[in-house]
Amino acid sequence: MSYGGEITVAECWELLSQSRETVLIDVRTNAEWAYVGVPALPKSMNSVIGQQWQVFPNMSVDPEFADKLVATLNDNQLGEDAKLCFLCRSGVRSLAAAKTMWERGYKNSYNITHGFEGDLDSDGHRGNANGWKAHKLPWQQG
């Protein structure tokens, strides 16, 4: 396996609730954080780390993603044994990020299936079928 595996938003929430050695990493863009919203975690959990996988507006992968994230993890005293839960809109960018950090030695790097907004529903809208928002986990407008 080339990363820790897939987890649901409920499993991520459980990991965050159980251990300060778990962190949620939102790899969406600044624009998504501002306009779509962000997870809002209680003070009993680590703060969400926002680290863009791709840079808006050209959406190229940030070649310094891993280095920046390692520095932030170190600043938060989270080592290679920490559980890293990666979140994006639907679970695609976060999968790439989880694999990248696994390759950097963070073997507990997990992709959150369905991400923040999840799949399209029967009306073509996100946020209702599955994902963070659909599971009614706390979030706020950026």
Foldseek 3Di string as FASTA:
>chain_A
DLFQEEDAVVVLVVLQQPDLLEAEEEQEEPVCCQAVWDFDDDPSGDDYHYQHQAYPPVRDGDPCRLVVVVVVCVVVVHDLAGAYEYAYQAFDSLVVVRSVVVVVRNRNRYTHHGGAFGDQDPVRGTQCPGYDNNVVHHIDND
